[in-house]
Amino acid sequence: MSITMSFANIPDKAANVLLDGIKGENLNDEDLLRIHSLFGKQAFEALNLLEEGAVVKITSPSGRFIYKVNQRGVSYYCSRSGHFCACMKGESIQTSPFGRSWCPHLLAVALSDAISKTQTKTISDQAITHAVEMLFKIS
């Protein structure tokens, strides 16, 4: 199943201020308005993923981790620290020294972490190495 993705190019400082300002285990109305005003249509999809509990942080015994976001039967692997999602492969992504492209999956990961709703699953070091290789593999 192919899902068409769109991306929002957001200034790093604005995204960091918004995400760092989220407190507690739930998003309040003010948080939702700020998220929507900054991220636009990515916000709606990311919030749906968040509500569905679609974000899983996959960790290994050595401490390495990667995120998996399940959307409509498709799993997308994301690196929050690398600011990359598998849905971005082959896409023309806008980057600048001031901002980065955000997909709904990366936003869902960031929001899930901000409100401590991220599920965790532990796998072997070998399995996580393979998952990271697949994430960054260029076809």
N, C-alpha and C. Protein backbone atom coordinates (compact mmCIF):
# COMPACT_ATOMS: atom_id res chain seq x y z
N MET A 1 0.85 -1.17 0.00
CA MET A 1 0.00 0.00 0.00
C MET A 1 0.89 1.24 0.00
N SER A 2 0.70 2.10 -0.95
CA SER A 2 1.51 3.31 -1.05
C SER A 2 0.76 4.48 -0.45
N ILE A 3 1.45 5.21 0.40
CA ILE A 3 0.86 6.37 1.04
C ILE A 3 1.64 7.59 0.60
N THR A 4 0.96 8.59 0.05
CA THR A 4 1.62 9.81 -0.37
C THR A 4 1.89 10.68 0.85
N MET A 5 3.13 11.10 0.98
CA MET A 5 3.53 11.91 2.12
C MET A 5 3.76 13.34 1.70
N SER A 6 3.48 14.23 2.60
CA SER A 6 3.85 15.63 2.41
C SER A 6 4.67 16.02 3.63
N PHE A 7 5.47 17.05 3.46
CA PHE A 7 6.40 17.45 4.51
C PHE A 7 6.24 18.93 4.79
N ALA A 8 6.52 19.30 6.03
CA ALA A 8 6.49 20.71 6.42
C ALA A 8 7.91 21.11 6.78
N ASN A 9 8.40 22.19 6.18
CA ASN A 9 9.73 22.69 6.51
C ASN A 9 9.57 23.68 7.67
N ILE A 10 10.10 23.31 8.83
CA ILE A 10 9.89 24.07 10.06
C ILE A 10 11.23 24.53 10.62
N PRO A 11 11.34 25.80 11.02
CA PRO A 11 12.58 26.26 11.65
C PRO A 11 12.87 25.45 12.92
N ASP A 12 14.13 25.04 13.08
CA ASP A 12 14.52 24.22 14.24
C ASP A 12 14.16 24.89 15.56
N LYS A 13 14.46 26.16 15.68
CA LYS A 13 14.22 26.86 16.95
C LYS A 13 12.73 26.85 17.30
N ALA A 14 11.88 27.11 16.32
CA ALA A 14 10.43 27.12 16.57
C ALA A 14 9.95 25.74 17.00
N ALA A 15 10.41 24.70 16.31
CA ALA A 15 10.00 23.34 16.66
C ALA A 15 10.48 22.97 18.06
N ASN A 16 11.72 23.31 18.38
CA ASN A 16 12.27 22.98 19.70
C ASN A 16 11.55 23.71 20.82
N VAL A 17 11.25 24.99 20.61
CA VAL A 17 10.53 25.77 21.63
C VAL A 17 9.15 25.16 21.87
N LEU A 18 8.46 24.83 20.78
CA LEU A 18 7.12 24.24 20.92
C LEU A 18 7.19 22.91 21.66
N LEU A 19 8.07 22.01 21.22
CA LEU A 19 8.14 20.68 21.83
C LEU A 19 8.63 20.73 23.27
N ASP A 20 9.58 21.61 23.56
CA ASP A 20 10.08 21.75 24.93
C ASP A 20 9.03 22.37 25.86
N GLY A 21 8.07 23.10 25.29
CA GLY A 21 7.04 23.76 26.09
C GLY A 21 5.88 22.86 26.48
N ILE A 22 5.84 21.66 25.92
CA ILE A 22 4.76 20.73 26.24
C ILE A 22 5.05 20.08 27.59
N LYS A 23 4.12 20.22 28.50
CA LYS A 23 4.28 19.70 29.86
C LYS A 23 3.15 18.72 30.17
N GLY A 24 3.45 17.75 30.98
CA GLY A 24 2.42 16.82 31.41
C GLY A 24 2.27 15.64 30.48
N GLU A 25 1.24 14.86 30.75
CA GLU A 25 1.01 13.64 29.99
C GLU A 25 -0.09 13.79 28.95
N ASN A 26 -0.62 14.98 28.80
CA ASN A 26 -1.66 15.22 27.80
C ASN A 26 -1.40 16.56 27.13
N LEU A 27 -1.90 16.69 25.93
CA LEU A 27 -1.81 17.96 25.21
C LEU A 27 -3.04 18.79 25.55
N ASN A 28 -2.83 20.04 25.96
CA ASN A 28 -3.98 20.90 26.24
C ASN A 28 -4.36 21.65 24.96
N ASP A 29 -5.44 22.42 25.02
CA ASP A 29 -5.93 23.13 23.84
C ASP A 29 -4.89 24.09 23.27
N GLU A 30 -4.16 24.76 24.15
CA GLU A 30 -3.13 25.69 23.70
C GLU A 30 -2.02 24.95 22.95
N ASP A 31 -1.61 23.78 23.47
CA ASP A 31 -0.61 22.96 22.79
C ASP A 31 -1.10 22.59 21.39
N LEU A 32 -2.34 22.13 21.31
CA LEU A 32 -2.90 21.70 20.03
C LEU A 32 -2.94 22.84 19.02
N LEU A 33 -3.31 24.03 19.47
CA LEU A 33 -3.33 25.18 18.57
C LEU A 33 -1.93 25.54 18.08
N ARG A 34 -0.96 25.51 18.98
CA ARG A 34 0.43 25.82 18.58
C ARG A 34 0.97 24.77 17.62
N ILE A 35 0.69 23.51 17.89
CA ILE A 35 1.15 22.43 17.01
C ILE A 35 0.55 22.60 15.63
N HIS A 36 -0.76 22.86 15.57
CA HIS A 36 -1.41 23.03 14.27
C HIS A 36 -0.89 24.27 13.54
N SER A 37 -0.70 25.36 14.25
CA SER A 37 -0.25 26.59 13.57
C SER A 37 1.17 26.45 13.03
N LEU A 38 2.00 25.65 13.67
CA LEU A 38 3.38 25.49 13.20
C LEU A 38 3.51 24.38 12.16
N PHE A 39 2.84 23.26 12.37
CA PHE A 39 3.04 22.09 11.51
C PHE A 39 1.95 21.89 10.46
N GLY A 40 0.87 22.64 10.53
CA GLY A 40 -0.17 22.54 9.51
C GLY A 40 -0.79 21.16 9.43
N LYS A 41 -0.96 20.67 8.19
CA LYS A 41 -1.68 19.41 8.00
C LYS A 41 -0.93 18.19 8.56
N GLN A 42 0.38 18.30 8.77
CA GLN A 42 1.11 17.20 9.40
C GLN A 42 0.62 16.98 10.83
N ALA A 43 0.16 18.04 11.47
CA ALA A 43 -0.30 17.95 12.86
C ALA A 43 -1.48 16.99 13.00
N PHE A 44 -2.45 17.09 12.11
CA PHE A 44 -3.64 16.24 12.20
C PHE A 44 -3.26 14.77 12.10
N GLU A 45 -2.43 14.43 11.11
CA GLU A 45 -2.04 13.03 10.93
C GLU A 45 -1.18 12.54 12.11
N ALA A 46 -0.27 13.39 12.58
CA ALA A 46 0.59 13.01 13.71
C ALA A 46 -0.24 12.80 14.97
N LEU A 47 -1.22 13.66 15.20
CA LEU A 47 -2.07 13.52 16.39
C LEU A 47 -2.91 12.25 16.31
N ASN A 48 -3.36 11.89 15.11
CA ASN A 48 -4.09 10.63 14.95
C ASN A 48 -3.19 9.44 15.29
N LEU A 49 -1.94 9.48 14.80
CA LEU A 49 -0.99 8.41 15.11
C LEU A 49 -0.74 8.33 16.62
N LEU A 50 -0.62 9.48 17.24
CA LEU A 50 -0.41 9.55 18.68
C LEU A 50 -1.59 8.93 19.43
N GLU A 51 -2.79 9.29 19.02
CA GLU A 51 -4.01 8.77 19.66
C GLU A 51 -4.13 7.26 19.49
N GLU A 52 -3.66 6.74 18.35
CA GLU A 52 -3.72 5.30 18.07
C GLU A 52 -2.63 4.52 18.81
N GLY A 53 -1.70 5.22 19.44
CA GLY A 53 -0.58 4.54 20.10
C GLY A 53 0.35 3.88 19.11
N ALA A 54 0.54 4.53 17.96
CA ALA A 54 1.29 3.95 16.85
C ALA A 54 2.81 4.06 16.99
N VAL A 55 3.29 4.79 17.99
CA VAL A 55 4.74 5.03 18.13
C VAL A 55 5.34 4.03 19.12
N VAL A 56 6.38 3.33 18.67
CA VAL A 56 7.10 2.38 19.51
C VAL A 56 8.59 2.70 19.44
N LYS A 57 9.21 2.82 20.60
CA LYS A 57 10.66 3.02 20.66
C LYS A 57 11.28 1.63 20.82
N ILE A 58 12.04 1.24 19.82
CA ILE A 58 12.67 -0.08 19.84
C ILE A 58 14.10 0.10 20.35
N THR A 59 14.42 -0.57 21.45
CA THR A 59 15.74 -0.43 22.07
C THR A 59 16.47 -1.76 22.05
N SER A 60 17.79 -1.67 22.21
CA SER A 60 18.62 -2.87 22.30
C SER A 60 19.32 -2.88 23.65
N PRO A 61 19.86 -4.03 24.06
CA PRO A 61 20.57 -4.09 25.34
C PRO A 61 21.76 -3.12 25.43
N SER A 62 22.35 -2.77 24.28
CA SER A 62 23.49 -1.85 24.30
C SER A 62 23.07 -0.38 24.41
N GLY A 63 21.75 -0.12 24.35
CA GLY A 63 21.26 1.25 24.49
C GLY A 63 20.91 1.94 23.18
N ARG A 64 21.20 1.30 22.05
CA ARG A 64 20.81 1.89 20.77
C ARG A 64 19.30 1.83 20.64
N PHE A 65 18.74 2.77 19.88
CA PHE A 65 17.29 2.76 19.71
C PHE A 65 16.90 3.38 18.37
N ILE A 66 15.71 3.03 17.96
CA ILE A 66 15.10 3.54 16.74
C ILE A 66 13.59 3.54 17.01
N TYR A 67 12.86 4.36 16.30
CA TYR A 67 11.41 4.41 16.48
C TYR A 67 10.72 3.72 15.32
N LYS A 68 9.59 3.09 15.62
CA LYS A 68 8.74 2.50 14.59
C LYS A 68 7.35 3.11 14.75
N VAL A 69 6.83 3.62 13.64
CA VAL A 69 5.49 4.21 13.64
C VAL A 69 4.64 3.39 12.68
N ASN A 70 3.55 2.84 13.20
CA ASN A 70 2.65 2.02 12.38
C ASN A 70 1.51 2.88 11.88
N GLN A 71 1.37 2.90 10.55
CA GLN A 71 0.31 3.70 9.93
C GLN A 71 -0.37 2.89 8.85
N ARG A 72 -1.63 2.62 9.04
CA ARG A 72 -2.45 1.89 8.06
C ARG A 72 -1.77 0.62 7.57
N GLY A 73 -1.24 -0.16 8.50
CA GLY A 73 -0.63 -1.43 8.15
C GLY A 73 0.79 -1.36 7.64
N VAL A 74 1.37 -0.18 7.58
CA VAL A 74 2.74 0.01 7.12
C VAL A 74 3.58 0.52 8.29
N SER A 75 4.76 -0.06 8.47
CA SER A 75 5.67 0.39 9.53
C SER A 75 6.72 1.32 8.95
N TYR A 76 6.88 2.48 9.57
CA TYR A 76 7.90 3.45 9.17
C TYR A 76 8.91 3.54 10.30
N TYR A 77 10.18 3.34 9.97
CA TYR A 77 11.24 3.48 10.96
C TYR A 77 11.77 4.90 10.92
N CYS A 78 12.00 5.48 12.09
CA CYS A 78 12.43 6.87 12.20
C CYS A 78 13.61 6.98 13.16
N SER A 79 14.48 7.94 12.86
CA SER A 79 15.55 8.32 13.78
C SER A 79 15.28 9.75 14.20
N ARG A 80 14.93 9.93 15.45
CA ARG A 80 14.66 11.29 15.92
C ARG A 80 15.95 12.11 15.97
N SER A 81 17.03 11.51 16.47
CA SER A 81 18.29 12.24 16.56
C SER A 81 18.86 12.54 15.17
N GLY A 82 18.62 11.65 14.22
CA GLY A 82 19.06 11.88 12.84
C GLY A 82 18.05 12.65 12.02
N HIS A 83 16.91 12.94 12.61
CA HIS A 83 15.80 13.64 11.97
C HIS A 83 15.53 13.06 10.57
N PHE A 84 15.24 11.76 10.56
CA PHE A 84 14.98 11.08 9.30
C PHE A 84 13.93 10.02 9.50
N CYS A 85 13.08 9.87 8.50
CA CYS A 85 12.04 8.84 8.50
C CYS A 85 12.13 8.07 7.19
N ALA A 86 11.78 6.80 7.24
CA ALA A 86 11.81 5.97 6.04
C ALA A 86 10.91 6.53 4.95
N CYS A 87 9.87 7.27 5.30
CA CYS A 87 8.97 7.82 4.28
C CYS A 87 9.67 8.90 3.45
N MET A 88 10.81 9.40 3.94
CA MET A 88 11.53 10.46 3.24
C MET A 88 12.46 9.92 2.14
N LYS A 89 12.68 8.61 2.11
CA LYS A 89 13.56 8.03 1.10
C LYS A 89 13.05 8.38 -0.29
N GLY A 90 13.94 8.87 -1.11
CA GLY A 90 13.60 9.16 -2.49
C GLY A 90 12.78 10.42 -2.69
N GLU A 91 12.48 11.13 -1.63
CA GLU A 91 11.69 12.35 -1.73
C GLU A 91 12.61 13.56 -1.84
N SER A 92 12.12 14.59 -2.45
CA SER A 92 12.85 15.85 -2.51
C SER A 92 12.56 16.61 -1.22
N ILE A 93 13.52 16.59 -0.32
CA ILE A 93 13.33 17.17 1.01
C ILE A 93 14.03 18.52 1.07
N GLN A 94 13.30 19.54 1.52
CA GLN A 94 13.90 20.86 1.68
C GLN A 94 14.67 20.90 2.99
N THR A 95 15.91 21.36 2.89
CA THR A 95 16.69 21.56 4.10
C THR A 95 17.37 22.92 4.02
N SER A 96 17.62 23.47 5.15
CA SER A 96 18.34 24.74 5.22
C SER A 96 19.07 24.75 6.55
N PRO A 97 19.99 25.70 6.73
CA PRO A 97 20.67 25.76 8.02
C PRO A 97 19.72 26.10 9.17
N PHE A 98 18.53 26.57 8.86
CA PHE A 98 17.61 27.05 9.88
C PHE A 98 16.46 26.10 10.18
N GLY A 99 16.17 25.19 9.26
CA GLY A 99 15.01 24.34 9.47
C GLY A 99 15.14 22.99 8.81
N ARG A 100 14.20 22.12 9.14
CA ARG A 100 14.20 20.76 8.61
C ARG A 100 12.79 20.40 8.17
N SER A 101 12.73 19.39 7.31
CA SER A 101 11.44 18.87 6.90
C SER A 101 10.91 17.90 7.95
N TRP A 102 9.64 18.02 8.24
CA TRP A 102 8.97 17.15 9.19
C TRP A 102 7.87 16.39 8.47
N CYS A 103 7.83 15.08 8.68
CA CYS A 103 6.71 14.27 8.21
C CYS A 103 5.83 13.98 9.43
N PRO A 104 4.63 13.47 9.21
CA PRO A 104 3.76 13.16 10.35
C PRO A 104 4.37 12.14 11.32
N HIS A 105 5.20 11.23 10.80
CA HIS A 105 5.79 10.19 11.65
C HIS A 105 6.79 10.79 12.63
N LEU A 106 7.67 11.68 12.13
CA LEU A 106 8.64 12.32 13.02
C LEU A 106 7.94 13.20 14.05
N LEU A 107 6.90 13.89 13.63
CA LEU A 107 6.15 14.72 14.57
C LEU A 107 5.46 13.85 15.62
N ALA A 108 4.89 12.72 15.20
CA ALA A 108 4.25 11.81 16.16
C ALA A 108 5.27 11.29 17.17
N VAL A 109 6.48 10.97 16.72
CA VAL A 109 7.54 10.50 17.61
C VAL A 109 7.88 11.59 18.63
N ALA A 110 8.08 12.82 18.15
CA ALA A 110 8.44 13.93 19.04
C ALA A 110 7.34 14.21 20.06
N LEU A 111 6.09 14.21 19.61
CA LEU A 111 4.97 14.46 20.52
C LEU A 111 4.80 13.32 21.53
N SER A 112 4.94 12.10 21.05
CA SER A 112 4.81 10.94 21.93
C SER A 112 5.86 10.98 23.04
N ASP A 113 7.08 11.34 22.68
CA ASP A 113 8.14 11.48 23.70
C ASP A 113 7.83 12.63 24.65
N ALA A 114 7.32 13.75 24.10
CA ALA A 114 7.06 14.94 24.92
C ALA A 114 6.03 14.67 26.01
N ILE A 115 5.05 13.82 25.72
CA ILE A 115 4.01 13.54 26.72
C ILE A 115 4.17 12.14 27.34
N SER A 116 5.33 11.56 27.14
CA SER A 116 5.67 10.26 27.74
C SER A 116 4.67 9.16 27.41
N LYS A 117 4.24 9.10 26.15
CA LYS A 117 3.28 8.08 25.72
C LYS A 117 3.93 7.04 24.80
N THR A 118 5.25 7.09 24.64
CA THR A 118 5.93 6.18 23.73
C THR A 118 6.04 4.79 24.35
N GLN A 119 5.54 3.80 23.63
CA GLN A 119 5.70 2.41 24.05
C GLN A 119 7.15 2.00 23.80
N THR A 120 7.65 1.03 24.53
CA THR A 120 9.00 0.55 24.27
C THR A 120 9.00 -0.96 24.07
N LYS A 121 9.93 -1.39 23.25
CA LYS A 121 10.11 -2.82 22.97
C LYS A 121 11.62 -3.05 22.87
N THR A 122 12.11 -4.11 23.49
CA THR A 122 13.54 -4.43 23.43
C THR A 122 13.78 -5.56 22.45
N ILE A 123 14.78 -5.36 21.59
CA ILE A 123 15.18 -6.39 20.63
C ILE A 123 16.70 -6.57 20.75
N SER A 124 17.23 -7.56 20.06
CA SER A 124 18.67 -7.83 20.14
C SER A 124 19.48 -6.73 19.45
N ASP A 125 20.76 -6.65 19.82
CA ASP A 125 21.66 -5.69 19.18
C ASP A 125 21.75 -5.95 17.67
N GLN A 126 21.78 -7.21 17.29
CA GLN A 126 21.87 -7.56 15.87
C GLN A 126 20.61 -7.10 15.12
N ALA A 127 19.46 -7.29 15.72
CA ALA A 127 18.21 -6.88 15.07
C ALA A 127 18.12 -5.37 14.92
N ILE A 128 18.57 -4.62 15.92
CA ILE A 128 18.50 -3.16 15.81
C ILE A 128 19.51 -2.65 14.81
N THR A 129 20.68 -3.31 14.72
CA THR A 129 21.66 -2.93 13.70
C THR A 129 21.05 -3.08 12.32
N HIS A 130 20.34 -4.18 12.10
CA HIS A 130 19.69 -4.40 10.81
C HIS A 130 18.61 -3.34 10.55
N ALA A 131 17.83 -3.00 11.56
CA ALA A 131 16.77 -1.99 11.39
C ALA A 131 17.36 -0.63 11.03
N VAL A 132 18.46 -0.26 11.68
CA VAL A 132 19.10 1.03 11.38
C VAL A 132 19.68 1.01 9.96
N GLU A 133 20.30 -0.10 9.57
CA GLU A 133 20.83 -0.22 8.21
C GLU A 133 19.72 -0.06 7.18
N MET A 134 18.58 -0.68 7.43
CA MET A 134 17.46 -0.59 6.49
C MET A 134 16.90 0.83 6.43
N LEU A 135 16.89 1.53 7.55
CA LEU A 135 16.38 2.90 7.57
C LEU A 135 17.19 3.79 6.65
N PHE A 136 18.50 3.69 6.74
CA PHE A 136 19.36 4.61 6.01
C PHE A 136 19.84 4.06 4.67
N LYS A 137 19.43 2.85 4.31
CA LYS A 137 19.83 2.26 3.04
C LYS A 137 19.20 3.03 1.89
N ILE A 138 20.04 3.40 0.95
CA ILE A 138 19.54 4.11 -0.22
C ILE A 138 19.37 3.11 -1.34
N SER A 139 18.17 3.01 -1.86
CA SER A 139 17.86 2.04 -2.91
C SER A 139 18.36 2.49 -4.25
